[in-house]
Amino acid sequence: MLRRNRRLGSRAGSLVIALLISGAWAMERWGPGLVPADWRIRPAADSCRLDKVLDGDSMRLTCPNGPVEVRLHCIDAPEKGQRPWGDRSRAHLREIAPREVELVAMERDRFGRTVGEVFTTGPDRLSLNLEQVRSGQAAVYDRYCEDPGYFRAEREARKAKRGIWRQRGEHQTPWTFRHRRS
């Protein structure tokens, strides 16, 4: 009897380990889609009005506490001087950004800008930051980003050769371009 209980315990332990591994794999594979959006805890967001898209990774908003210059978290878009890539990135952000947005502020950068994630409003709430990466209009700024969803979106954009991934060059690493200029 004791030998049979040990075997059952060993099988149960193996089953638990297999479930944990398959759960971890499923989270990596399908990530946020496994948990319905309504169940996720959302950080507090400010409702804001879009005043101007400055470039592919920054914008000026008017929020309840006044005007805010926002640097989009986790991404780095080609600079204005990196033609035509910088112009295309800015145009794409203008195209996808609605007049009313939600800002989840995270921190301030060394230039005093608010670093945050900007979302569309309504039931189909989308991250504009992530959409810039998905469409190949910005790279993941891995120095400041830990969200696996961004890295997955960039891998997909690279594989599909969207936007900046269509042709090799410094437009794929705007941080390198900036450092060479300074």
N, C-alpha and C. Protein backbone atom coordinates (compact mmCIF):
# COMPACT_ATOMS: atom_id res chain seq x y z
N MET A 1 0.82 -1.20 0.00
CA MET A 1 0.00 0.00 0.00
C MET A 1 0.87 1.26 0.00
N LEU A 2 1.93 1.24 0.80
CA LEU A 2 2.82 2.39 0.88
C LEU A 2 3.50 2.64 -0.46
N ARG A 3 3.92 1.57 -1.12
CA ARG A 3 4.58 1.69 -2.42
C ARG A 3 3.61 2.31 -3.45
N ARG A 4 2.34 1.91 -3.42
CA ARG A 4 1.34 2.43 -4.35
C ARG A 4 1.12 3.93 -4.10
N ASN A 5 1.06 4.39 -2.85
CA ASN A 5 0.87 5.80 -2.53
C ASN A 5 2.06 6.64 -3.01
N ARG A 6 3.27 6.10 -2.90
CA ARG A 6 4.45 6.82 -3.38
C ARG A 6 4.37 7.01 -4.89
N ARG A 7 3.94 5.95 -5.59
CA ARG A 7 3.81 6.04 -7.05
C ARG A 7 2.78 7.09 -7.43
N LEU A 8 1.64 7.12 -6.74
CA LEU A 8 0.60 8.11 -7.02
C LEU A 8 1.12 9.51 -6.73
N GLY A 9 1.85 9.67 -5.64
CA GLY A 9 2.42 10.98 -5.29
C GLY A 9 3.41 11.44 -6.35
N SER A 10 4.19 10.52 -6.85
CA SER A 10 5.17 10.85 -7.88
C SER A 10 4.47 11.26 -9.17
N ARG A 11 3.40 10.55 -9.53
CA ARG A 11 2.64 10.90 -10.73
C ARG A 11 1.95 12.24 -10.57
N ALA A 12 1.39 12.49 -9.42
CA ALA A 12 0.72 13.77 -9.17
C ALA A 12 1.73 14.92 -9.26
N GLY A 13 2.91 14.72 -8.70
CA GLY A 13 3.96 15.74 -8.77
C GLY A 13 4.36 16.01 -10.20
N SER A 14 4.50 14.93 -10.98
CA SER A 14 4.86 15.09 -12.40
C SER A 14 3.77 15.84 -13.16
N LEU A 15 2.52 15.54 -12.83
CA LEU A 15 1.40 16.22 -13.48
C LEU A 15 1.41 17.71 -13.15
N VAL A 16 1.65 18.06 -11.91
CA VAL A 16 1.70 19.47 -11.49
C VAL A 16 2.82 20.19 -12.24
N ILE A 17 3.98 19.58 -12.34
CA ILE A 17 5.11 20.19 -13.05
C ILE A 17 4.76 20.38 -14.53
N ALA A 18 4.14 19.37 -15.14
CA ALA A 18 3.76 19.47 -16.56
C ALA A 18 2.75 20.60 -16.76
N LEU A 19 1.79 20.74 -15.84
CA LEU A 19 0.80 21.82 -15.95
C LEU A 19 1.47 23.19 -15.80
N LEU A 20 2.40 23.32 -14.89
CA LEU A 20 3.11 24.59 -14.70
C LEU A 20 3.91 24.96 -15.95
N ILE A 21 4.60 23.99 -16.51
CA ILE A 21 5.39 24.25 -17.71
C ILE A 21 4.49 24.62 -18.88
N SER A 22 3.40 23.88 -19.08
CA SER A 22 2.52 24.21 -20.20
C SER A 22 1.82 25.55 -19.97
N GLY A 23 1.51 25.89 -18.74
CA GLY A 23 0.92 27.20 -18.44
C GLY A 23 1.89 28.32 -18.74
N ALA A 24 3.15 28.15 -18.38
CA ALA A 24 4.17 29.17 -18.67
C ALA A 24 4.35 29.31 -20.18
N TRP A 25 4.36 28.20 -20.89
CA TRP A 25 4.48 28.25 -22.35
C TRP A 25 3.29 28.98 -22.96
N ALA A 26 2.09 28.67 -22.49
CA ALA A 26 0.88 29.31 -23.03
C ALA A 26 0.90 30.81 -22.76
N MET A 27 1.35 31.24 -21.59
CA MET A 27 1.43 32.67 -21.29
C MET A 27 2.41 33.36 -22.22
N GLU A 28 3.54 32.73 -22.50
CA GLU A 28 4.53 33.32 -23.41
C GLU A 28 3.98 33.35 -24.84
N ARG A 29 3.30 32.30 -25.22
CA ARG A 29 2.80 32.18 -26.61
C ARG A 29 1.65 33.13 -26.88
N TRP A 30 0.65 33.14 -25.99
CA TRP A 30 -0.56 33.92 -26.24
C TRP A 30 -0.70 35.10 -25.30
N GLY A 31 0.10 35.13 -24.26
CA GLY A 31 0.19 36.26 -23.34
C GLY A 31 -1.13 36.87 -22.93
N PRO A 32 -1.27 38.18 -23.18
CA PRO A 32 -2.43 38.91 -22.68
C PRO A 32 -3.76 38.36 -23.16
N GLY A 33 -3.80 37.68 -24.29
CA GLY A 33 -5.05 37.15 -24.81
C GLY A 33 -5.66 36.06 -23.95
N LEU A 34 -4.88 35.47 -23.04
CA LEU A 34 -5.42 34.42 -22.18
C LEU A 34 -6.32 34.98 -21.08
N VAL A 35 -6.06 36.20 -20.69
CA VAL A 35 -6.84 36.81 -19.61
C VAL A 35 -7.73 37.88 -20.23
N PRO A 36 -9.04 37.77 -20.07
CA PRO A 36 -9.93 38.78 -20.64
C PRO A 36 -9.55 40.17 -20.15
N ALA A 37 -9.64 41.16 -21.03
CA ALA A 37 -9.22 42.52 -20.71
C ALA A 37 -9.93 43.06 -19.47
N ASP A 38 -11.18 42.69 -19.27
CA ASP A 38 -11.94 43.21 -18.13
C ASP A 38 -11.38 42.71 -16.80
N TRP A 39 -10.64 41.63 -16.79
CA TRP A 39 -10.13 41.05 -15.56
C TRP A 39 -8.80 41.65 -15.14
N ARG A 40 -8.11 42.27 -16.08
CA ARG A 40 -6.79 42.83 -15.77
C ARG A 40 -6.92 44.10 -14.95
N ILE A 41 -6.00 44.29 -14.04
CA ILE A 41 -5.96 45.52 -13.27
C ILE A 41 -5.28 46.56 -14.13
N ARG A 42 -5.94 47.66 -14.36
CA ARG A 42 -5.38 48.72 -15.19
C ARG A 42 -4.88 49.85 -14.30
N PRO A 43 -3.69 50.35 -14.59
CA PRO A 43 -3.22 51.51 -13.85
C PRO A 43 -4.12 52.70 -14.13
N ALA A 44 -4.13 53.66 -13.22
CA ALA A 44 -4.96 54.85 -13.39
C ALA A 44 -4.53 55.60 -14.65
N ALA A 45 -5.52 56.01 -15.42
CA ALA A 45 -5.24 56.73 -16.67
C ALA A 45 -5.95 58.08 -16.63
N ASP A 46 -5.30 59.08 -17.22
CA ASP A 46 -5.92 60.39 -17.37
C ASP A 46 -6.51 60.49 -18.76
N SER A 47 -7.72 61.02 -18.85
CA SER A 47 -8.31 61.30 -20.15
C SER A 47 -7.71 62.61 -20.64
N CYS A 48 -7.18 62.58 -21.84
CA CYS A 48 -6.49 63.74 -22.39
C CYS A 48 -6.92 64.00 -23.83
N ARG A 49 -6.62 65.20 -24.30
CA ARG A 49 -6.87 65.57 -25.69
C ARG A 49 -5.52 65.67 -26.40
N LEU A 50 -5.43 65.09 -27.57
CA LEU A 50 -4.21 65.16 -28.37
C LEU A 50 -4.12 66.54 -29.01
N ASP A 51 -3.03 67.25 -28.73
CA ASP A 51 -2.80 68.55 -29.34
C ASP A 51 -1.92 68.43 -30.58
N LYS A 52 -0.83 67.64 -30.45
CA LYS A 52 0.11 67.55 -31.57
C LYS A 52 0.98 66.31 -31.45
N VAL A 53 1.19 65.64 -32.56
CA VAL A 53 2.17 64.56 -32.63
C VAL A 53 3.49 65.21 -33.00
N LEU A 54 4.48 65.10 -32.13
CA LEU A 54 5.77 65.76 -32.35
C LEU A 54 6.67 64.94 -33.25
N ASP A 55 6.71 63.64 -33.02
CA ASP A 55 7.44 62.70 -33.87
C ASP A 55 6.88 61.31 -33.61
N GLY A 56 7.57 60.28 -34.05
CA GLY A 56 7.03 58.93 -33.94
C GLY A 56 6.96 58.34 -32.55
N ASP A 57 7.56 59.04 -31.57
CA ASP A 57 7.50 58.53 -30.19
C ASP A 57 7.23 59.61 -29.16
N SER A 58 6.70 60.75 -29.58
CA SER A 58 6.33 61.78 -28.60
C SER A 58 5.17 62.62 -29.11
N MET A 59 4.42 63.17 -28.17
CA MET A 59 3.24 63.96 -28.49
C MET A 59 2.97 64.97 -27.39
N ARG A 60 2.17 65.96 -27.72
CA ARG A 60 1.74 66.94 -26.74
C ARG A 60 0.26 66.72 -26.49
N LEU A 61 -0.10 66.60 -25.21
CA LEU A 61 -1.48 66.36 -24.81
C LEU A 61 -1.94 67.46 -23.87
N THR A 62 -3.25 67.65 -23.78
CA THR A 62 -3.82 68.47 -22.73
C THR A 62 -4.62 67.54 -21.84
N CYS A 63 -4.17 67.44 -20.59
CA CYS A 63 -4.79 66.54 -19.61
C CYS A 63 -5.46 67.39 -18.52
N PRO A 64 -6.15 66.77 -17.57
CA PRO A 64 -6.84 67.54 -16.53
C PRO A 64 -5.94 68.56 -15.80
N ASN A 65 -4.66 68.24 -15.63
CA ASN A 65 -3.76 69.16 -14.92
C ASN A 65 -3.01 70.10 -15.85
N GLY A 66 -3.39 70.15 -17.13
CA GLY A 66 -2.76 71.06 -18.07
C GLY A 66 -2.01 70.35 -19.18
N PRO A 67 -1.21 71.13 -19.94
CA PRO A 67 -0.48 70.54 -21.07
C PRO A 67 0.64 69.61 -20.60
N VAL A 68 0.84 68.53 -21.36
CA VAL A 68 1.85 67.53 -21.02
C VAL A 68 2.57 67.11 -22.30
N GLU A 69 3.90 67.12 -22.27
CA GLU A 69 4.66 66.55 -23.38
C GLU A 69 5.00 65.12 -22.98
N VAL A 70 4.63 64.17 -23.83
CA VAL A 70 4.74 62.76 -23.50
C VAL A 70 5.74 62.07 -24.42
N ARG A 71 6.63 61.33 -23.81
CA ARG A 71 7.57 60.44 -24.52
C ARG A 71 6.98 59.04 -24.37
N LEU A 72 6.72 58.36 -25.48
CA LEU A 72 6.08 57.05 -25.43
C LEU A 72 7.03 56.00 -24.86
N HIS A 73 6.60 55.37 -23.80
CA HIS A 73 7.37 54.36 -23.07
C HIS A 73 7.67 53.15 -23.95
N CYS A 74 8.85 52.58 -23.78
CA CYS A 74 9.27 51.32 -24.40
C CYS A 74 9.66 51.42 -25.87
N ILE A 75 9.47 52.57 -26.51
CA ILE A 75 9.75 52.62 -27.94
C ILE A 75 10.72 53.74 -28.29
N ASP A 76 11.37 53.59 -29.44
CA ASP A 76 12.23 54.63 -29.98
C ASP A 76 12.00 54.65 -31.49
N ALA A 77 11.52 55.79 -31.97
CA ALA A 77 11.22 55.94 -33.39
C ALA A 77 12.36 56.67 -34.09
N PRO A 78 12.49 56.48 -35.40
CA PRO A 78 13.52 57.20 -36.14
C PRO A 78 13.41 58.71 -35.94
N GLU A 79 14.54 59.38 -35.93
CA GLU A 79 14.58 60.83 -35.74
C GLU A 79 14.11 61.55 -37.00
N LYS A 80 13.74 62.81 -36.85
CA LYS A 80 13.27 63.61 -38.00
C LYS A 80 14.33 63.66 -39.10
N GLY A 81 15.61 63.69 -38.72
CA GLY A 81 16.69 63.74 -39.70
C GLY A 81 16.94 62.43 -40.42
N GLN A 82 16.29 61.38 -40.01
CA GLN A 82 16.46 60.07 -40.65
C GLN A 82 15.37 59.88 -41.70
N ARG A 83 15.46 60.67 -42.75
CA ARG A 83 14.43 60.66 -43.80
C ARG A 83 14.57 59.44 -44.68
N PRO A 84 13.50 58.85 -45.13
CA PRO A 84 12.11 59.21 -44.91
C PRO A 84 11.49 58.55 -43.68
N TRP A 85 12.29 57.76 -42.96
CA TRP A 85 11.78 56.93 -41.85
C TRP A 85 11.15 57.75 -40.73
N GLY A 86 11.78 58.84 -40.33
CA GLY A 86 11.24 59.68 -39.26
C GLY A 86 9.90 60.28 -39.65
N ASP A 87 9.81 60.76 -40.90
CA ASP A 87 8.55 61.34 -41.39
C ASP A 87 7.44 60.29 -41.43
N ARG A 88 7.79 59.10 -41.87
CA ARG A 88 6.78 58.02 -41.96
C ARG A 88 6.28 57.61 -40.58
N SER A 89 7.20 57.54 -39.63
CA SER A 89 6.82 57.15 -38.27
C SER A 89 5.87 58.18 -37.66
N ARG A 90 6.21 59.44 -37.81
CA ARG A 90 5.37 60.53 -37.29
C ARG A 90 3.99 60.50 -37.97
N ALA A 91 3.97 60.34 -39.29
CA ALA A 91 2.70 60.29 -40.03
C ALA A 91 1.83 59.13 -39.57
N HIS A 92 2.45 57.99 -39.31
CA HIS A 92 1.68 56.83 -38.85
C HIS A 92 1.07 57.08 -37.48
N LEU A 93 1.84 57.67 -36.57
CA LEU A 93 1.30 57.97 -35.24
C LEU A 93 0.15 58.96 -35.35
N ARG A 94 0.28 59.97 -36.21
CA ARG A 94 -0.82 60.92 -36.43
C ARG A 94 -2.07 60.21 -36.93
N GLU A 95 -1.86 59.25 -37.82
CA GLU A 95 -2.97 58.52 -38.43
C GLU A 95 -3.72 57.66 -37.42
N ILE A 96 -3.00 57.01 -36.51
CA ILE A 96 -3.66 56.07 -35.59
C ILE A 96 -4.13 56.72 -34.29
N ALA A 97 -3.64 57.93 -33.98
CA ALA A 97 -3.99 58.58 -32.71
C ALA A 97 -5.30 59.34 -32.84
N PRO A 98 -6.29 58.99 -32.02
CA PRO A 98 -7.54 59.74 -32.05
C PRO A 98 -7.39 61.06 -31.28
N ARG A 99 -8.38 61.89 -31.37
CA ARG A 99 -8.35 63.21 -30.69
C ARG A 99 -8.37 63.03 -29.17
N GLU A 100 -9.12 62.06 -28.68
CA GLU A 100 -9.20 61.78 -27.24
C GLU A 100 -8.42 60.51 -26.93
N VAL A 101 -7.53 60.59 -25.96
CA VAL A 101 -6.68 59.45 -25.58
C VAL A 101 -6.64 59.33 -24.06
N GLU A 102 -6.06 58.22 -23.61
CA GLU A 102 -5.82 58.02 -22.19
C GLU A 102 -4.32 57.90 -21.98
N LEU A 103 -3.82 58.58 -20.97
CA LEU A 103 -2.39 58.56 -20.65
C LEU A 103 -2.17 57.86 -19.32
N VAL A 104 -1.31 56.85 -19.34
CA VAL A 104 -0.86 56.20 -18.11
C VAL A 104 0.58 56.68 -17.91
N ALA A 105 0.76 57.65 -17.02
CA ALA A 105 2.07 58.23 -16.77
C ALA A 105 2.90 57.28 -15.92
N MET A 106 4.20 57.17 -16.23
CA MET A 106 5.08 56.25 -15.51
C MET A 106 6.19 56.97 -14.77
N GLU A 107 6.81 57.94 -15.44
CA GLU A 107 7.92 58.67 -14.83
C GLU A 107 8.20 59.91 -15.65
N ARG A 108 9.23 60.65 -15.25
CA ARG A 108 9.71 61.80 -16.02
C ARG A 108 11.10 61.48 -16.54
N ASP A 109 11.39 61.92 -17.78
CA ASP A 109 12.73 61.70 -18.31
C ASP A 109 13.64 62.88 -17.97
N ARG A 110 14.88 62.81 -18.39
CA ARG A 110 15.84 63.85 -18.04
C ARG A 110 15.53 65.20 -18.67
N PHE A 111 14.63 65.23 -19.66
CA PHE A 111 14.22 66.48 -20.30
C PHE A 111 12.93 67.03 -19.70
N GLY A 112 12.41 66.37 -18.66
CA GLY A 112 11.19 66.83 -18.00
C GLY A 112 9.91 66.35 -18.64
N ARG A 113 10.01 65.51 -19.67
CA ARG A 113 8.81 64.99 -20.31
C ARG A 113 8.24 63.85 -19.48
N THR A 114 6.94 63.68 -19.60
CA THR A 114 6.28 62.54 -18.97
C THR A 114 6.51 61.33 -19.86
N VAL A 115 7.00 60.26 -19.28
CA VAL A 115 7.15 59.00 -20.02
C VAL A 115 5.92 58.17 -19.67
N GLY A 116 5.21 57.71 -20.68
CA GLY A 116 4.00 56.95 -20.39
C GLY A 116 3.50 56.17 -21.57
N GLU A 117 2.41 55.49 -21.32
CA GLU A 117 1.75 54.71 -22.38
C GLU A 117 0.46 55.44 -22.72
N VAL A 118 0.21 55.60 -24.00
CA VAL A 118 -0.98 56.31 -24.47
C VAL A 118 -1.90 55.32 -25.17
N PHE A 119 -3.16 55.36 -24.77
CA PHE A 119 -4.16 54.41 -25.28
C PHE A 119 -5.28 55.14 -26.01
N THR A 120 -5.89 54.43 -26.95
CA THR A 120 -7.14 54.92 -27.53
C THR A 120 -8.21 54.70 -26.48
N THR A 121 -9.33 55.38 -26.63
CA THR A 121 -10.43 55.20 -25.69
C THR A 121 -11.46 54.27 -26.30
N GLY A 122 -12.41 53.85 -25.49
CA GLY A 122 -13.48 53.00 -25.99
C GLY A 122 -13.22 51.53 -25.75
N PRO A 123 -14.11 50.69 -26.26
CA PRO A 123 -14.03 49.26 -26.00
C PRO A 123 -12.83 48.57 -26.66
N ASP A 124 -12.36 49.10 -27.77
CA ASP A 124 -11.21 48.50 -28.47
C ASP A 124 -9.93 49.23 -28.09
N ARG A 125 -9.74 49.45 -26.82
CA ARG A 125 -8.60 50.21 -26.29
C ARG A 125 -7.28 49.62 -26.79
N LEU A 126 -6.50 50.45 -27.49
CA LEU A 126 -5.21 50.02 -28.03
C LEU A 126 -4.10 50.90 -27.48
N SER A 127 -2.94 50.31 -27.28
CA SER A 127 -1.75 51.06 -26.90
C SER A 127 -1.14 51.63 -28.18
N LEU A 128 -1.04 52.96 -28.26
CA LEU A 128 -0.41 53.59 -29.41
C LEU A 128 1.08 53.24 -29.45
N ASN A 129 1.68 53.10 -28.27
CA ASN A 129 3.09 52.72 -28.18
C ASN A 129 3.30 51.38 -28.90
N LEU A 130 2.51 50.40 -28.50
CA LEU A 130 2.64 49.05 -29.06
C LEU A 130 2.28 49.03 -30.54
N GLU A 131 1.30 49.83 -30.95
CA GLU A 131 0.91 49.87 -32.36
C GLU A 131 2.04 50.42 -33.23
N GLN A 132 2.83 51.36 -32.70
CA GLN A 132 3.97 51.88 -33.46
C GLN A 132 5.00 50.76 -33.71
N VAL A 133 5.19 49.91 -32.71
CA VAL A 133 6.14 48.79 -32.86
C VAL A 133 5.56 47.73 -33.79
N ARG A 134 4.30 47.38 -33.61
CA ARG A 134 3.66 46.35 -34.45
C ARG A 134 3.71 46.71 -35.93
N SER A 135 3.55 47.99 -36.22
CA SER A 135 3.51 48.43 -37.62
C SER A 135 4.90 48.67 -38.19
N GLY A 136 5.93 48.49 -37.36
CA GLY A 136 7.29 48.69 -37.84
C GLY A 136 7.68 50.15 -37.92
N GLN A 137 7.01 51.03 -37.20
CA GLN A 137 7.31 52.45 -37.23
C GLN A 137 8.20 52.89 -36.06
N ALA A 138 8.52 51.95 -35.18
CA ALA A 138 9.41 52.23 -34.05
C ALA A 138 10.04 50.91 -33.60
N ALA A 139 11.20 51.03 -32.99
CA ALA A 139 11.89 49.87 -32.43
C ALA A 139 11.64 49.85 -30.92
N VAL A 140 11.80 48.69 -30.33
CA VAL A 140 11.72 48.60 -28.87
C VAL A 140 13.00 49.19 -28.30
N TYR A 141 12.84 50.09 -27.37
CA TYR A 141 13.99 50.71 -26.71
C TYR A 141 14.32 49.83 -25.52
N ASP A 142 15.05 48.73 -25.79
CA ASP A 142 15.23 47.68 -24.78
C ASP A 142 15.96 48.16 -23.53
N ARG A 143 16.66 49.26 -23.62
CA ARG A 143 17.32 49.83 -22.43
C ARG A 143 16.29 50.23 -21.37
N TYR A 144 15.08 50.59 -21.83
CA TYR A 144 14.04 51.08 -20.92
C TYR A 144 12.78 50.23 -20.94
N CYS A 145 12.81 49.05 -21.52
CA CYS A 145 11.59 48.26 -21.65
C CYS A 145 11.81 46.82 -21.20
N GLU A 146 10.87 46.33 -20.42
CA GLU A 146 10.93 44.94 -19.97
C GLU A 146 9.69 44.15 -20.37
N ASP A 147 8.76 44.78 -21.04
CA ASP A 147 7.49 44.14 -21.39
C ASP A 147 7.68 43.19 -22.57
N PRO A 148 7.48 41.88 -22.37
CA PRO A 148 7.69 40.91 -23.45
C PRO A 148 6.77 41.12 -24.64
N GLY A 149 5.63 41.75 -24.45
CA GLY A 149 4.71 42.01 -25.55
C GLY A 149 5.34 42.90 -26.62
N TYR A 150 6.16 43.85 -26.20
CA TYR A 150 6.83 44.74 -27.14
C TYR A 150 7.87 43.97 -27.96
N PHE A 151 8.62 43.12 -27.29
CA PHE A 151 9.65 42.35 -28.00
C PHE A 151 9.01 41.36 -28.99
N ARG A 152 7.89 40.79 -28.60
CA ARG A 152 7.17 39.88 -29.49
C ARG A 152 6.66 40.65 -30.72
N ALA A 153 6.11 41.85 -30.49
CA ALA A 153 5.60 42.67 -31.60
C ALA A 153 6.73 43.07 -32.54
N GLU A 154 7.90 43.39 -31.99
CA GLU A 154 9.03 43.76 -32.86
C GLU A 154 9.50 42.55 -33.68
N ARG A 155 9.57 41.38 -33.05
CA ARG A 155 9.98 40.18 -33.80
C ARG A 155 9.04 39.94 -34.98
N GLU A 156 7.74 40.12 -34.75
CA GLU A 156 6.76 39.91 -35.81
C GLU A 156 6.92 40.96 -36.92
N ALA A 157 7.15 42.21 -36.55
CA ALA A 157 7.33 43.28 -37.54
C ALA A 157 8.60 43.04 -38.35
N ARG A 158 9.67 42.61 -37.68
CA ARG A 158 10.92 42.30 -38.38
C ARG A 158 10.71 41.17 -39.39
N LYS A 159 10.05 40.12 -38.92
CA LYS A 159 9.82 38.95 -39.78
C LYS A 159 8.99 39.32 -41.01
N ALA A 160 8.00 40.20 -40.81
CA ALA A 160 7.13 40.63 -41.92
C ALA A 160 7.75 41.77 -42.72
N LYS A 161 8.92 42.27 -42.28
CA LYS A 161 9.62 43.38 -42.94
C LYS A 161 8.73 44.61 -43.08
N ARG A 162 8.05 44.96 -41.97
CA ARG A 162 7.20 46.13 -41.96
C ARG A 162 8.00 47.38 -41.60
N GLY A 163 7.66 48.49 -42.23
CA GLY A 163 8.23 49.79 -41.86
C GLY A 163 9.74 49.83 -41.87
N ILE A 164 10.32 50.17 -40.72
CA ILE A 164 11.78 50.33 -40.62
C ILE A 164 12.53 49.02 -40.83
N TRP A 165 11.84 47.91 -40.77
CA TRP A 165 12.49 46.61 -40.93
C TRP A 165 12.57 46.18 -42.39
N ARG A 166 12.04 47.01 -43.29
CA ARG A 166 12.06 46.71 -44.72
C ARG A 166 13.48 46.77 -45.28
N GLN A 167 14.29 47.64 -44.70
CA GLN A 167 15.64 47.87 -45.22
C GLN A 167 16.57 48.13 -44.04
N ARG A 168 17.75 47.52 -44.04
CA ARG A 168 18.71 47.69 -42.94
C ARG A 168 19.24 49.12 -42.91
N GLY A 169 19.56 49.59 -41.70
CA GLY A 169 20.15 50.92 -41.55
C GLY A 169 20.00 51.45 -40.14
N GLU A 170 20.56 52.63 -39.92
CA GLU A 170 20.51 53.25 -38.58
C GLU A 170 19.10 53.64 -38.15
N HIS A 171 18.18 53.73 -39.10
CA HIS A 171 16.80 54.05 -38.73
C HIS A 171 16.20 52.94 -37.85
N GLN A 172 16.82 51.77 -37.84
CA GLN A 172 16.36 50.67 -36.99
C GLN A 172 16.85 50.84 -35.56
N THR A 173 17.86 51.67 -35.37
CA THR A 173 18.41 51.93 -34.03
C THR A 173 18.59 53.44 -33.87
N PRO A 174 17.50 54.17 -33.66
CA PRO A 174 17.60 55.63 -33.55
C PRO A 174 18.59 56.09 -32.49
N TRP A 175 18.77 55.31 -31.43
CA TRP A 175 19.71 55.67 -30.37
C TRP A 175 21.14 55.75 -30.91
N THR A 176 21.49 54.89 -31.86
CA THR A 176 22.82 54.93 -32.48
C THR A 176 22.97 56.21 -33.30
N PHE A 177 21.96 56.55 -34.05
CA PHE A 177 21.96 57.76 -34.86
C PHE A 177 22.15 58.99 -33.97
N ARG A 178 21.43 59.06 -32.85
CA ARG A 178 21.55 60.21 -31.94
C ARG A 178 22.95 60.31 -31.36
N HIS A 179 23.52 59.19 -30.98
CA HIS A 179 24.86 59.20 -30.36
C HIS A 179 25.93 59.62 -31.36
N ARG A 180 25.77 59.29 -32.62
CA ARG A 180 26.75 59.70 -33.64
C ARG A 180 26.70 61.19 -33.89
N ARG A 181 25.50 61.78 -33.74
CA ARG A 181 25.35 63.23 -33.96
C ARG A 181 25.91 64.05 -32.82
N SER A 182 25.93 63.51 -31.63
CA SER A 182 26.37 64.29 -30.47
C SER A 182 27.85 64.23 -30.21
